[in-house]
Protein backbone atom coordinates (compact mmCIF):
# COMPACT_ATOMS: atom_id res chain seq x y z
CA UNK A 1 120.01 6.08 244.66
CA UNK A 2 119.68 5.49 248.36
CA UNK A 3 123.12 7.01 248.85
CA UNK A 4 122.05 10.23 247.08
CA UNK A 5 119.00 10.62 249.31
CA UNK A 6 121.08 10.22 252.45
CA UNK A 7 123.44 12.88 251.17
CA UNK A 8 120.54 15.22 250.46
CA UNK A 9 119.07 14.66 253.94
CA UNK A 10 122.47 15.29 255.52
CA UNK A 11 122.87 18.53 253.57
CA UNK A 12 119.37 19.70 254.53
CA UNK A 13 120.00 18.87 258.19
CA UNK A 14 123.28 20.80 258.11
CA UNK A 15 121.61 23.82 256.45
CA UNK A 16 118.95 23.88 259.19
CA UNK A 17 121.67 23.71 261.86
CA UNK A 18 123.54 26.58 260.17
CA UNK A 19 120.36 28.67 260.05
CA UNK A 20 119.71 28.11 263.75
CA UNK A 21 123.32 29.08 264.53
CA UNK A 22 122.90 32.27 262.49
CA UNK A 23 119.68 33.08 264.33
CA UNK A 24 121.46 32.66 267.68
CA UNK A 25 124.32 34.89 266.49
CA UNK A 26 121.88 37.56 265.34
CA UNK A 27 120.12 37.44 268.70
CA UNK A 28 123.43 37.74 270.59
CA UNK A 29 124.41 40.77 268.53
CA UNK A 30 120.99 42.34 269.10
CA UNK A 31 121.29 41.81 272.86
CA UNK A 32 124.71 43.49 273.17
CA UNK A 33 124.72 47.11 274.35
CA UNK A 34 125.46 49.73 271.73
CA UNK A 35 129.04 50.98 271.86
CA UNK A 36 129.78 54.61 271.03
CA UNK A 37 131.60 54.99 267.72
CA UNK A 38 134.20 57.70 267.34
CA UNK A 39 133.34 60.09 264.57
CA UNK A 40 136.13 60.25 262.04
CA UNK A 41 134.57 63.36 260.55
CA UNK A 42 135.77 65.44 263.48
CA UNK A 43 138.73 67.33 262.11
CA UNK A 44 139.95 68.72 265.42
CA UNK A 45 141.53 66.46 267.98
CA UNK A 46 143.78 67.75 270.65
CA UNK A 47 147.10 65.97 271.10
CA UNK A 48 149.02 66.33 274.34
CA UNK A 49 152.64 66.61 273.32
CA UNK A 50 155.39 68.11 275.47
CA UNK A 51 152.75 69.78 277.64
CA UNK A 52 151.58 71.89 274.72
CA UNK A 53 148.22 71.40 273.13
CA UNK A 54 148.38 71.28 269.37
CA UNK A 55 145.89 70.68 266.63
CA UNK A 56 146.23 67.18 265.23
CA UNK A 57 145.12 65.45 262.07
CA UNK A 58 141.56 64.42 263.03
CA UNK A 59 141.15 60.92 261.66
CA UNK A 60 144.52 59.58 262.73
CA UNK A 61 145.53 61.81 265.62
CA UNK A 62 148.88 62.74 264.08
CA UNK A 63 150.91 65.81 264.90
CA UNK A 64 152.29 67.70 261.90
CA UNK A 65 155.81 66.91 260.73
CA UNK A 66 156.88 70.55 261.00
CA UNK A 67 155.89 70.64 264.67
CA UNK A 68 157.76 67.40 265.38
CA UNK A 69 160.84 68.69 263.58
CA UNK A 70 160.77 71.93 265.56
CA UNK A 71 160.52 69.95 268.81
CA UNK A 72 163.45 67.70 267.84
CA UNK A 73 165.60 70.70 266.93
CA UNK A 74 164.76 72.28 270.29
CA UNK A 75 165.69 69.11 272.16
CA UNK A 76 168.99 68.81 270.28
CA UNK A 77 169.90 72.43 270.91
CA UNK A 78 169.12 72.01 274.63
CA UNK A 79 171.44 69.01 274.96
CA UNK A 80 175.16 69.61 274.97
CA UNK A 81 176.94 66.95 272.99
CA UNK A 82 180.60 66.17 273.63
CA UNK A 83 182.72 67.40 270.75
CA UNK A 84 184.23 64.72 268.56
CA UNK A 85 187.45 65.10 266.62
CA UNK A 86 186.67 65.73 262.96
CA UNK A 87 189.74 64.00 261.55
CA UNK A 88 189.55 60.50 260.19
CA UNK A 89 192.47 58.16 260.15
CA UNK A 90 193.43 56.50 256.90
CA UNK A 91 193.53 53.10 258.62
CA UNK A 92 189.81 53.21 259.29
CA UNK A 93 188.99 53.67 255.60
CA UNK A 94 191.23 50.79 254.48
């Protein structure tokens, strides 16, 4: 029986310690300055992409796929690629 009482006292002591820790944590959080939170409801964010300003998906800041594809096509057409021979040797396929 004595062992059970010691266990109970230990548990009560630990619960009190946990409560005091929680109170300290709550006080620390209350003392911290309030940080501004970005509003995810804003549907218009401006993305700087290739020196053009475009409308982006508000919550994630993504640029549309069509706009990216158009930019990639433009970049490819601007670059001159060396021409490769279009014939394949039979040895390469074996």
